[in-house]
Amino acid sequence: SDWQPAKNTEFLLAGISPNTKRKIFQFFLEHFTIDVQQ
């Protein structure tokens, strides 16, 4: 809530278990529209 993505940022996804990875990906997709290609 205290962060905004900069342009052309290279993102890395944390998480080991499939469930955690899916949740993190969906969270940042919904809140910041960060998609797979980024």
PDB file of all heavy atoms in Angstrom:
ATOM      1  N   SER A   1       0.814  -1.220   0.000  1.00  0.00           N
ATOM      2  CA  SER A   1       0.000   0.000   0.000  1.00  0.00           C
ATOM      3  C   SER A   1       0.850   1.273   0.000  1.00  0.00           C
ATOM      4  O   SER A   1       0.335   2.371  -0.258  1.00  0.00           O
ATOM      5  CB  SER A   1      -0.943   0.010   1.199  1.00  0.00           C
ATOM      6  OG  SER A   1      -0.217  -0.038   2.411  1.00  0.00           O
ATOM      7  N   ASP A   2       2.154   1.140   0.277  1.00  0.00           N
ATOM      8  CA  ASP A   2       3.063   2.287   0.280  1.00  0.00           C
ATOM      9  C   ASP A   2       3.977   2.302  -0.945  1.00  0.00           C
ATOM     10  O   ASP A   2       4.988   2.993  -0.955  1.00  0.00           O
ATOM     11  CB  ASP A   2       3.935   2.260   1.547  1.00  0.00           C
ATOM     12  CG  ASP A   2       3.112   2.277   2.812  1.00  0.00           C
ATOM     13  OD1 ASP A   2       2.130   3.044   2.857  1.00  0.00           O
ATOM     14  OD2 ASP A   2       3.429   1.505   3.734  1.00  0.00           O
ATOM     15  N   TRP A   3       3.607   1.558  -1.975  1.00  0.00           N
ATOM     16  CA  TRP A   3       4.502   1.351  -3.126  1.00  0.00           C
ATOM     17  C   TRP A   3       3.750   1.499  -4.433  1.00  0.00           C
ATOM     18  O   TRP A   3       2.558   1.181  -4.523  1.00  0.00           O
ATOM     19  CB  TRP A   3       5.101  -0.053  -3.020  1.00  0.00           C
ATOM     20  CG  TRP A   3       5.882  -0.511  -4.210  1.00  0.00           C
ATOM     21  CD1 TRP A   3       7.181  -0.230  -4.505  1.00  0.00           C
ATOM     22  CD2 TRP A   3       5.416  -1.379  -5.256  1.00  0.00           C
ATOM     23  NE1 TRP A   3       7.553  -0.861  -5.679  1.00  0.00           N
ATOM     24  CE2 TRP A   3       6.487  -1.570  -6.153  1.00  0.00           C
ATOM     25  CE3 TRP A   3       4.190  -1.999  -5.514  1.00  0.00           C
ATOM     26  CZ2 TRP A   3       6.371  -2.356  -7.299  1.00  0.00           C
ATOM     27  CZ3 TRP A   3       4.068  -2.787  -6.649  1.00  0.00           C
ATOM     28  CH2 TRP A   3       5.154  -2.953  -7.532  1.00  0.00           C
ATOM     29  N   GLN A   4       4.438   2.012  -5.436  1.00  0.00           N
ATOM     30  CA  GLN A   4       3.917   2.047  -6.796  1.00  0.00           C
ATOM     31  C   GLN A   4       5.002   1.569  -7.750  1.00  0.00           C
ATOM     32  O   GLN A   4       6.172   1.963  -7.607  1.00  0.00           O
ATOM     33  CB  GLN A   4       3.474   3.461  -7.192  1.00  0.00           C
ATOM     34  CG  GLN A   4       2.134   3.879  -6.613  1.00  0.00           C
ATOM     35  CD  GLN A   4       0.973   3.067  -7.163  1.00  0.00           C
ATOM     36  OE1 GLN A   4       0.977   2.673  -8.325  1.00  0.00           O
ATOM     37  NE2 GLN A   4      -0.020   2.813  -6.326  1.00  0.00           N
ATOM     38  N   PRO A   5       4.657   0.715  -8.709  1.00  0.00           N
ATOM     39  CA  PRO A   5       5.693   0.213  -9.630  1.00  0.00           C
ATOM     40  C   PRO A   5       6.192   1.300 -10.569  1.00  0.00           C
ATOM     41  O   PRO A   5       5.410   2.130 -11.048  1.00  0.00           O
ATOM     42  CB  PRO A   5       4.963  -0.895 -10.409  1.00  0.00           C
ATOM     43  CG  PRO A   5       3.512  -0.546 -10.292  1.00  0.00           C
ATOM     44  CD  PRO A   5       3.341   0.116  -8.965  1.00  0.00           C
ATOM     45  N   ALA A   6       7.484   1.280 -10.800  1.00  0.00           N
ATOM     46  CA  ALA A   6       8.074   2.194 -11.775  1.00  0.00           C
ATOM     47  C   ALA A   6       7.959   1.588 -13.172  1.00  0.00           C
ATOM     48  O   ALA A   6       7.751   0.380 -13.333  1.00  0.00           O
ATOM     49  CB  ALA A   6       9.539   2.441 -11.429  1.00  0.00           C
ATOM     50  N   LYS A   7       8.089   2.415 -14.179  1.00  0.00           N
ATOM     51  CA  LYS A   7       8.030   1.932 -15.550  1.00  0.00           C
ATOM     52  C   LYS A   7       9.233   1.042 -15.851  1.00  0.00           C
ATOM     53  O   LYS A   7      10.324   1.247 -15.335  1.00  0.00           O
ATOM     54  CB  LYS A   7       8.004   3.112 -16.531  1.00  0.00           C
ATOM     55  CG  LYS A   7       6.713   3.909 -16.501  1.00  0.00           C
ATOM     56  CD  LYS A   7       6.729   5.006 -17.556  1.00  0.00           C
ATOM     57  CE  LYS A   7       5.403   5.776 -17.561  1.00  0.00           C
ATOM     58  NZ  LYS A   7       5.413   6.859 -18.588  1.00  0.00           N
ATOM     59  N   ASN A   8       8.994   0.042 -16.698  1.00  0.00           N
ATOM     60  CA  ASN A   8      10.051  -0.861 -17.180  1.00  0.00           C
ATOM     61  C   ASN A   8      10.742  -1.627 -16.060  1.00  0.00           C
ATOM     62  O   ASN A   8      11.910  -2.011 -16.182  1.00  0.00           O
ATOM     63  CB  ASN A   8      11.096  -0.078 -17.995  1.00  0.00           C
ATOM     64  CG  ASN A   8      10.483   0.652 -19.164  1.00  0.00           C
ATOM     65  OD1 ASN A   8       9.638   0.099 -19.868  1.00  0.00           O
ATOM     66  ND2 ASN A   8      10.884   1.900 -19.368  1.00  0.00           N
ATOM     67  N   THR A   9      10.032  -1.857 -14.965  1.00  0.00           N
ATOM     68  CA  THR A   9      10.596  -2.622 -13.861  1.00  0.00           C
ATOM     69  C   THR A   9      10.610  -4.108 -14.208  1.00  0.00           C
ATOM     70  O   THR A   9       9.682  -4.631 -14.815  1.00  0.00           O
ATOM     71  CB  THR A   9       9.764  -2.406 -12.581  1.00  0.00           C
ATOM     72  OG1 THR A   9       9.821  -1.026 -12.235  1.00  0.00           O
ATOM     73  CG2 THR A   9      10.298  -3.229 -11.432  1.00  0.00           C
ATOM     74  N   GLU A  10      11.693  -4.799 -13.807  1.00  0.00           N
ATOM     75  CA  GLU A  10      11.765  -6.252 -13.942  1.00  0.00           C
ATOM     76  C   GLU A  10      11.307  -6.872 -12.624  1.00  0.00           C
ATOM     77  O   GLU A  10      11.934  -6.665 -11.580  1.00  0.00           O
ATOM     78  CB  GLU A  10      13.186  -6.684 -14.285  1.00  0.00           C
ATOM     79  CG  GLU A  10      13.631  -6.243 -15.658  1.00  0.00           C
ATOM     80  CD  GLU A  10      14.961  -6.852 -16.038  1.00  0.00           C
ATOM     81  OE1 GLU A  10      15.993  -6.265 -15.677  1.00  0.00           O
ATOM     82  OE2 GLU A  10      14.970  -7.909 -16.688  1.00  0.00           O
ATOM     83  N   PHE A  11      10.228  -7.641 -12.679  1.00  0.00           N
ATOM     84  CA  PHE A  11       9.640  -8.215 -11.478  1.00  0.00           C
ATOM     85  C   PHE A  11      10.070  -9.669 -11.289  1.00  0.00           C
ATOM     86  O   PHE A  11      10.232 -10.416 -12.258  1.00  0.00           O
ATOM     87  CB  PHE A  11       8.116  -8.148 -11.544  1.00  0.00           C
ATOM     88  CG  PHE A  11       7.576  -6.746 -11.542  1.00  0.00           C
ATOM     89  CD1 PHE A  11       7.072  -6.172 -12.697  1.00  0.00           C
ATOM     90  CD2 PHE A  11       7.588  -5.991 -10.382  1.00  0.00           C
ATOM     91  CE1 PHE A  11       6.582  -4.877 -12.699  1.00  0.00           C
ATOM     92  CE2 PHE A  11       7.099  -4.693 -10.365  1.00  0.00           C
ATOM     93  CZ  PHE A  11       6.595  -4.137 -11.531  1.00  0.00           C
ATOM     94  N   LEU A  12      10.203 -10.038 -10.017  1.00  0.00           N
ATOM     95  CA  LEU A  12      10.495 -11.411  -9.615  1.00  0.00           C
ATOM     96  C   LEU A  12       9.366 -11.867  -8.698  1.00  0.00           C
ATOM     97  O   LEU A  12       8.884 -11.086  -7.871  1.00  0.00           O
ATOM     98  CB  LEU A  12      11.829 -11.489  -8.872  1.00  0.00           C
ATOM     99  CG  LEU A  12      13.007 -10.777  -9.527  1.00  0.00           C
ATOM    100  CD1 LEU A  12      14.211 -10.790  -8.599  1.00  0.00           C
ATOM    101  CD2 LEU A  12      13.350 -11.429 -10.855  1.00  0.00           C
ATOM    102  N   LEU A  13       8.950 -13.116  -8.830  1.00  0.00           N
ATOM    103  CA  LEU A  13       7.845 -13.631  -8.026  1.00  0.00           C
ATOM    104  C   LEU A  13       8.374 -14.475  -6.882  1.00  0.00           C
ATOM    105  O   LEU A  13       9.076 -15.468  -7.106  1.00  0.00           O
ATOM    106  CB  LEU A  13       6.901 -14.470  -8.895  1.00  0.00           C
ATOM    107  CG  LEU A  13       5.648 -14.976  -8.181  1.00  0.00           C
ATOM    108  CD1 LEU A  13       4.657 -13.827  -7.980  1.00  0.00           C
ATOM    109  CD2 LEU A  13       4.978 -16.096  -8.962  1.00  0.00           C
ATOM    110  N   ALA A  14       8.040 -14.090  -5.643  1.00  0.00           N
ATOM    111  CA  ALA A  14       8.380 -14.903  -4.485  1.00  0.00           C
ATOM    112  C   ALA A  14       7.378 -16.048  -4.360  1.00  0.00           C
ATOM    113  O   ALA A  14       6.369 -16.098  -5.050  1.00  0.00           O
ATOM    114  CB  ALA A  14       8.383 -14.054  -3.219  1.00  0.00           C
ATOM    115  N   GLY A  15       7.654 -16.965  -3.448  1.00  0.00           N
ATOM    116  CA  GLY A  15       6.754 -18.091  -3.222  1.00  0.00           C
ATOM    117  C   GLY A  15       7.358 -19.400  -3.690  1.00  0.00           C
ATOM    118  O   GLY A  15       7.964 -19.472  -4.758  1.00  0.00           O
ATOM    119  N   ILE A  16       7.177 -20.452  -2.884  1.00  0.00           N
ATOM    120  CA  ILE A  16       7.668 -21.780  -3.245  1.00  0.00           C
ATOM    121  C   ILE A  16       6.514 -22.702  -3.602  1.00  0.00           C
ATOM    122  O   ILE A  16       6.510 -23.346  -4.649  1.00  0.00           O
ATOM    123  CB  ILE A  16       8.520 -22.390  -2.115  1.00  0.00           C
ATOM    124  CG1 ILE A  16       9.832 -21.610  -1.964  1.00  0.00           C
ATOM    125  CG2 ILE A  16       8.824 -23.862  -2.399  1.00  0.00           C
ATOM    126  CD1 ILE A  16      10.724 -22.110  -0.857  1.00  0.00           C
ATOM    127  N   SER A  17       5.501 -22.762  -2.746  1.00  0.00           N
ATOM    128  CA  SER A  17       4.385 -23.668  -3.022  1.00  0.00           C
ATOM    129  C   SER A  17       3.528 -23.115  -4.156  1.00  0.00           C
ATOM    130  O   SER A  17       3.428 -21.896  -4.339  1.00  0.00           O
ATOM    131  CB  SER A  17       3.522 -23.853  -1.777  1.00  0.00           C
ATOM    132  OG  SER A  17       2.742 -22.699  -1.534  1.00  0.00           O
ATOM    133  N   PRO A  18       2.901 -23.998  -4.943  1.00  0.00           N
ATOM    134  CA  PRO A  18       2.031 -23.517  -6.020  1.00  0.00           C
ATOM    135  C   PRO A  18       0.951 -22.558  -5.532  1.00  0.00           C
ATOM    136  O   PRO A  18       0.677 -21.534  -6.173  1.00  0.00           O
ATOM    137  CB  PRO A  18       1.423 -24.810  -6.578  1.00  0.00           C
ATOM    138  CG  PRO A  18       2.444 -25.853  -6.300  1.00  0.00           C
ATOM    139  CD  PRO A  18       3.031 -25.474  -4.974  1.00  0.00           C
ATOM    140  N   ASN A  19       0.343 -22.857  -4.392  1.00  0.00           N
ATOM    141  CA  ASN A  19      -0.734 -22.017  -3.874  1.00  0.00           C
ATOM    142  C   ASN A  19      -0.235 -20.616  -3.552  1.00  0.00           C
ATOM    143  O   ASN A  19      -0.880 -19.607  -3.884  1.00  0.00           O
ATOM    144  CB  ASN A  19      -1.344 -22.661  -2.631  1.00  0.00           C
ATOM    145  CG  ASN A  19      -2.600 -21.957  -2.177  1.00  0.00           C
ATOM    146  OD1 ASN A  19      -3.464 -21.630  -2.974  1.00  0.00           O
ATOM    147  ND2 ASN A  19      -2.718 -21.719  -0.880  1.00  0.00           N
ATOM    148  N   THR A  20       0.924 -20.521  -2.915  1.00  0.00           N
ATOM    149  CA  THR A  20       1.494 -19.213  -2.580  1.00  0.00           C
ATOM    150  C   THR A  20       1.839 -18.431  -3.840  1.00  0.00           C
ATOM    151  O   THR A  20       1.546 -17.231  -3.944  1.00  0.00           O
ATOM    152  CB  THR A  20       2.746 -19.370  -1.701  1.00  0.00           C
ATOM    153  OG1 THR A  20       2.383 -20.033  -0.485  1.00  0.00           O
ATOM    154  CG2 THR A  20       3.360 -18.023  -1.369  1.00  0.00           C
ATOM    155  N   LYS A  21       2.437 -19.091  -4.812  1.00  0.00           N
ATOM    156  CA  LYS A  21       2.802 -18.401  -6.059  1.00  0.00           C
ATOM    157  C   LYS A  21       1.565 -17.875  -6.776  1.00  0.00           C
ATOM    158  O   LYS A  21       1.565 -16.733  -7.264  1.00  0.00           O
ATOM    159  CB  LYS A  21       3.600 -19.349  -6.955  1.00  0.00           C
ATOM    160  CG  LYS A  21       5.009 -19.626  -6.444  1.00  0.00           C
ATOM    161  CD  LYS A  21       5.819 -20.460  -7.401  1.00  0.00           C
ATOM    162  CE  LYS A  21       5.427 -21.906  -7.386  1.00  0.00           C
ATOM    163  NZ  LYS A  21       6.347 -22.756  -8.188  1.00  0.00           N
ATOM    164  N   ARG A  22       0.526 -18.690  -6.849  1.00  0.00           N
ATOM    165  CA  ARG A  22      -0.701 -18.240  -7.516  1.00  0.00           C
ATOM    166  C   ARG A  22      -1.301 -17.042  -6.800  1.00  0.00           C
ATOM    167  O   ARG A  22      -1.743 -16.077  -7.427  1.00  0.00           O
ATOM    168  CB  ARG A  22      -1.736 -19.374  -7.567  1.00  0.00           C
ATOM    169  CG  ARG A  22      -1.493 -20.400  -8.641  1.00  0.00           C
ATOM    170  CD  ARG A  22      -2.753 -21.203  -8.902  1.00  0.00           C
ATOM    171  NE  ARG A  22      -3.390 -21.663  -7.681  1.00  0.00           N
ATOM    172  CZ  ARG A  22      -3.072 -22.770  -7.036  1.00  0.00           C
ATOM    173  NH1 ARG A  22      -2.103 -23.545  -7.500  1.00  0.00           N
ATOM    174  NH2 ARG A  22      -3.695 -23.117  -5.935  1.00  0.00           N
ATOM    175  N   LYS A  23      -1.350 -17.097  -5.459  1.00  0.00           N
ATOM    176  CA  LYS A  23      -1.941 -16.003  -4.686  1.00  0.00           C
ATOM    177  C   LYS A  23      -1.168 -14.702  -4.881  1.00  0.00           C
ATOM    178  O   LYS A  23      -1.764 -13.624  -5.034  1.00  0.00           O
ATOM    179  CB  LYS A  23      -1.986 -16.378  -3.203  1.00  0.00           C
ATOM    180  CG  LYS A  23      -3.075 -17.373  -2.846  1.00  0.00           C
ATOM    181  CD  LYS A  23      -3.092 -17.640  -1.355  1.00  0.00           C
ATOM    182  CE  LYS A  23      -4.229 -18.567  -0.963  1.00  0.00           C
ATOM    183  NZ  LYS A  23      -4.237 -18.839   0.501  1.00  0.00           N
ATOM    184  N   ILE A  24       0.162 -14.787  -4.850  1.00  0.00           N
ATOM    185  CA  ILE A  24       0.966 -13.574  -5.022  1.00  0.00           C
ATOM    186  C   ILE A  24       0.769 -13.016  -6.421  1.00  0.00           C
ATOM    187  O   ILE A  24       0.572 -11.801  -6.608  1.00  0.00           O
ATOM    188  CB  ILE A  24       2.449 -13.867  -4.747  1.00  0.00           C
ATOM    189  CG1 ILE A  24       2.647 -14.196  -3.254  1.00  0.00           C
ATOM    190  CG2 ILE A  24       3.326 -12.688  -5.154  1.00  0.00           C
ATOM    191  CD1 ILE A  24       4.033 -14.710  -2.925  1.00  0.00           C
ATOM    192  N   PHE A  25       0.814 -13.876  -7.435  1.00  0.00           N
ATOM    193  CA  PHE A  25       0.620 -13.397  -8.802  1.00  0.00           C
ATOM    194  C   PHE A  25      -0.737 -12.720  -8.963  1.00  0.00           C
ATOM    195  O   PHE A  25      -0.830 -11.613  -9.506  1.00  0.00           O
ATOM    196  CB  PHE A  25       0.758 -14.549  -9.799  1.00  0.00           C
ATOM    197  CG  PHE A  25       0.397 -14.138 -11.200  1.00  0.00           C
ATOM    198  CD1 PHE A  25       1.233 -13.321 -11.934  1.00  0.00           C
ATOM    199  CD2 PHE A  25      -0.808 -14.541 -11.754  1.00  0.00           C
ATOM    200  CE1 PHE A  25       0.891 -12.910 -13.218  1.00  0.00           C
ATOM    201  CE2 PHE A  25      -1.163 -14.146 -13.034  1.00  0.00           C
ATOM    202  CZ  PHE A  25      -0.314 -13.327 -13.771  1.00  0.00           C
ATOM    203  N   GLN A  26      -1.807 -13.366  -8.482  1.00  0.00           N
ATOM    204  CA  GLN A  26      -3.145 -12.803  -8.630  1.00  0.00           C
ATOM    205  C   GLN A  26      -3.284 -11.485  -7.864  1.00  0.00           C
ATOM    206  O   GLN A  26      -3.928 -10.546  -8.337  1.00  0.00           O
ATOM    207  CB  GLN A  26      -4.194 -13.807  -8.150  1.00  0.00           C
ATOM    208  CG  GLN A  26      -4.362 -15.001  -9.069  1.00  0.00           C
ATOM    209  CD  GLN A  26      -4.862 -14.620 -10.455  1.00  0.00           C
ATOM    210  OE1 GLN A  26      -5.586 -13.652 -10.618  1.00  0.00           O
ATOM    211  NE2 GLN A  26      -4.462 -15.382 -11.455  1.00  0.00           N
ATOM    212  N   PHE A  27      -2.673 -11.418  -6.686  1.00  0.00           N
ATOM    213  CA  PHE A  27      -2.753 -10.198  -5.875  1.00  0.00           C
ATOM    214  C   PHE A  27      -2.179  -9.008  -6.628  1.00  0.00           C
ATOM    215  O   PHE A  27      -2.823  -7.951  -6.744  1.00  0.00           O
ATOM    216  CB  PHE A  27      -2.001 -10.400  -4.553  1.00  0.00           C
ATOM    217  CG  PHE A  27      -2.085  -9.228  -3.625  1.00  0.00           C
ATOM    218  CD1 PHE A  27      -3.090  -9.149  -2.674  1.00  0.00           C
ATOM    219  CD2 PHE A  27      -1.160  -8.190  -3.699  1.00  0.00           C
ATOM    220  CE1 PHE A  27      -3.170  -8.053  -1.810  1.00  0.00           C
ATOM    221  CE2 PHE A  27      -1.241  -7.102  -2.847  1.00  0.00           C
ATOM    222  CZ  PHE A  27      -2.251  -7.041  -1.903  1.00  0.00           C
ATOM    223  N   PHE A  28      -0.969  -9.147  -7.169  1.00  0.00           N
ATOM    224  CA  PHE A  28      -0.334  -8.013  -7.829  1.00  0.00           C
ATOM    225  C   PHE A  28      -0.909  -7.766  -9.223  1.00  0.00           C
ATOM    226  O   PHE A  28      -0.845  -6.639  -9.719  1.00  0.00           O
ATOM    227  CB  PHE A  28       1.179  -8.206  -7.859  1.00  0.00           C
ATOM    228  CG  PHE A  28       1.821  -7.976  -6.513  1.00  0.00           C
ATOM    229  CD1 PHE A  28       2.101  -9.035  -5.665  1.00  0.00           C
ATOM    230  CD2 PHE A  28       2.093  -6.688  -6.083  1.00  0.00           C
ATOM    231  CE1 PHE A  28       2.671  -8.817  -4.415  1.00  0.00           C
ATOM    232  CE2 PHE A  28       2.656  -6.456  -4.835  1.00  0.00           C
ATOM    233  CZ  PHE A  28       2.941  -7.525  -3.991  1.00  0.00           C
ATOM    234  N   LEU A  29      -1.506  -8.777  -9.812  1.00  0.00           N
ATOM    235  CA  LEU A  29      -2.230  -8.546 -11.062  1.00  0.00           C
ATOM    236  C   LEU A  29      -3.463  -7.698 -10.802  1.00  0.00           C
ATOM    237  O   LEU A  29      -3.737  -6.729 -11.524  1.00  0.00           O
ATOM    238  CB  LEU A  29      -2.632  -9.889 -11.684  1.00  0.00           C
ATOM    239  CG  LEU A  29      -3.457  -9.814 -12.972  1.00  0.00           C
ATOM    240  CD1 LEU A  29      -2.679  -9.145 -14.096  1.00  0.00           C
ATOM    241  CD2 LEU A  29      -3.919 -11.212 -13.390  1.00  0.00           C
ATOM    242  N   GLU A  30      -4.209  -8.020  -9.755  1.00  0.00           N
ATOM    243  CA  GLU A  30      -5.446  -7.298  -9.455  1.00  0.00           C
ATOM    244  C   GLU A  30      -5.175  -5.882  -8.941  1.00  0.00           C
ATOM    245  O   GLU A  30      -5.907  -4.941  -9.282  1.00  0.00           O
ATOM    246  CB  GLU A  30      -6.260  -8.084  -8.427  1.00  0.00           C
ATOM    247  CG  GLU A  30      -6.814  -9.388  -8.970  1.00  0.00           C
ATOM    248  CD  GLU A  30      -7.389 -10.279  -7.890  1.00  0.00           C
ATOM    249  OE1 GLU A  30      -7.467  -9.819  -6.714  1.00  0.00           O
ATOM    250  OE2 GLU A  30      -7.735 -11.431  -8.195  1.00  0.00           O
ATOM    251  N   HIS A  31      -4.130  -5.708  -8.126  1.00  0.00           N
ATOM    252  CA  HIS A  31      -3.875  -4.400  -7.522  1.00  0.00           C
ATOM    253  C   HIS A  31      -3.044  -3.471  -8.407  1.00  0.00           C
ATOM    254  O   HIS A  31      -3.184  -2.244  -8.324  1.00  0.00           O
ATOM    255  CB  HIS A  31      -3.167  -4.574  -6.176  1.00  0.00           C
ATOM    256  CG  HIS A  31      -4.074  -5.046  -5.078  1.00  0.00           C
ATOM    257  ND1 HIS A  31      -4.493  -6.350  -4.973  1.00  0.00           N
ATOM    258  CD2 HIS A  31      -4.645  -4.377  -4.045  1.00  0.00           C
ATOM    259  CE1 HIS A  31      -5.277  -6.470  -3.918  1.00  0.00           C
ATOM    260  NE2 HIS A  31      -5.389  -5.293  -3.332  1.00  0.00           N
ATOM    261  N   PHE A  32      -2.173  -4.048  -9.256  1.00  0.00           N
ATOM    262  CA  PHE A  32      -1.244  -3.209 -10.023  1.00  0.00           C
ATOM    263  C   PHE A  32      -1.172  -3.597 -11.502  1.00  0.00           C
ATOM    264  O   PHE A  32      -0.332  -3.057 -12.229  1.00  0.00           O
ATOM    265  CB  PHE A  32       0.167  -3.298  -9.412  1.00  0.00           C
ATOM    266  CG  PHE A  32       0.253  -2.840  -7.995  1.00  0.00           C
ATOM    267  CD1 PHE A  32       0.262  -3.756  -6.947  1.00  0.00           C
ATOM    268  CD2 PHE A  32       0.319  -1.489  -7.681  1.00  0.00           C
ATOM    269  CE1 PHE A  32       0.337  -3.329  -5.632  1.00  0.00           C
ATOM    270  CE2 PHE A  32       0.397  -1.058  -6.360  1.00  0.00           C
ATOM    271  CZ  PHE A  32       0.406  -1.979  -5.331  1.00  0.00           C
ATOM    272  N   THR A  33      -2.032  -4.505 -11.938  1.00  0.00           N
ATOM    273  CA  THR A  33      -2.066  -5.004 -13.325  1.00  0.00           C
ATOM    274  C   THR A  33      -0.693  -5.467 -13.803  1.00  0.00           C
ATOM    275  O   THR A  33      -0.297  -5.235 -14.966  1.00  0.00           O
ATOM    276  CB  THR A  33      -2.648  -3.957 -14.302  1.00  0.00           C
ATOM    277  OG1 THR A  33      -1.799  -2.795 -14.333  1.00  0.00           O
ATOM    278  CG2 THR A  33      -4.051  -3.548 -13.886  1.00  0.00           C
ATOM    279  N   ILE A  34       0.061  -6.123 -12.924  1.00  0.00           N
ATOM    280  CA  ILE A  34       1.357  -6.690 -13.307  1.00  0.00           C
ATOM    281  C   ILE A  34       1.098  -8.085 -13.870  1.00  0.00           C
ATOM    282  O   ILE A  34       0.687  -8.993 -13.142  1.00  0.00           O
ATOM    283  CB  ILE A  34       2.308  -6.749 -12.104  1.00  0.00           C
ATOM    284  CG1 ILE A  34       2.565  -5.329 -11.577  1.00  0.00           C
ATOM    285  CG2 ILE A  34       3.617  -7.422 -12.483  1.00  0.00           C
ATOM    286  CD1 ILE A  34       3.285  -5.285 -10.245  1.00  0.00           C
ATOM    287  N   ASP A  35       1.332  -8.246 -15.169  1.00  0.00           N
ATOM    288  CA  ASP A  35       0.974  -9.504 -15.818  1.00  0.00           C
ATOM    289  C   ASP A  35       2.189 -10.398 -16.023  1.00  0.00           C
ATOM    290  O   ASP A  35       3.319 -10.042 -15.656  1.00  0.00           O
ATOM    291  CB  ASP A  35       0.233  -9.257 -17.133  1.00  0.00           C
ATOM    292  CG  ASP A  35       1.078  -8.490 -18.149  1.00  0.00           C
ATOM    293  OD1 ASP A  35       2.327  -8.482 -18.022  1.00  0.00           O
ATOM    294  OD2 ASP A  35       0.488  -7.913 -19.073  1.00  0.00           O
ATOM    295  N   VAL A  36       1.949 -11.563 -16.602  1.00  0.00           N
ATOM    296  CA  VAL A  36       2.986 -12.597 -16.723  1.00  0.00           C
ATOM    297  C   VAL A  36       4.213 -12.079 -17.469  1.00  0.00           C
ATOM    298  O   VAL A  36       5.358 -12.383 -17.096  1.00  0.00           O
ATOM    299  CB  VAL A  36       2.407 -13.832 -17.441  1.00  0.00           C
ATOM    300  CG1 VAL A  36       3.500 -14.841 -17.766  1.00  0.00           C
ATOM    301  CG2 VAL A  36       1.335 -14.490 -16.590  1.00  0.00           C
ATOM    302  N   GLN A  37       4.007 -11.306 -18.512  1.00  0.00           N
ATOM    303  CA  GLN A  37       5.114 -10.862 -19.352  1.00  0.00           C
ATOM    304  C   GLN A  37       6.092  -9.937 -18.629  1.00  0.00           C
ATOM    305  O   GLN A  37       7.221  -9.746 -19.081  1.00  0.00           O
ATOM    306  CB  GLN A  37       4.575 -10.139 -20.599  1.00  0.00           C
ATOM    307  CG  GLN A  37       3.929 -11.038 -21.629  1.00  0.00           C
ATOM    308  CD  GLN A  37       2.558 -11.542 -21.197  1.00  0.00           C
ATOM    309  OE1 GLN A  37       1.870 -10.875 -20.418  1.00  0.00           O
ATOM    310  NE2 GLN A  37       2.169 -12.700 -21.689  1.00  0.00           N
ATOM    311  N   GLN A  38       5.686  -9.392 -17.500  1.00  0.00           N
ATOM    312  CA  GLN A  38       6.552  -8.454 -16.779  1.00  0.00           C
ATOM    313  C   GLN A  38       7.485  -9.140 -15.781  1.00  0.00           C
ATOM    314  O   GLN A  38       8.344  -8.488 -15.190  1.00  0.00           O
ATOM    315  CB  GLN A  38       5.696  -7.403 -16.060  1.00  0.00           C
ATOM    316  CG  GLN A  38       4.965  -6.470 -17.010  1.00  0.00           C
ATOM    317  CD  GLN A  38       3.987  -5.565 -16.287  1.00  0.00           C
ATOM    318  OE1 GLN A  38       2.813  -5.894 -16.129  1.00  0.00           O
ATOM    319  NE2 GLN A  38       4.459  -4.422 -15.845  1.00  0.00           N
TER     320      GLN A  38
END
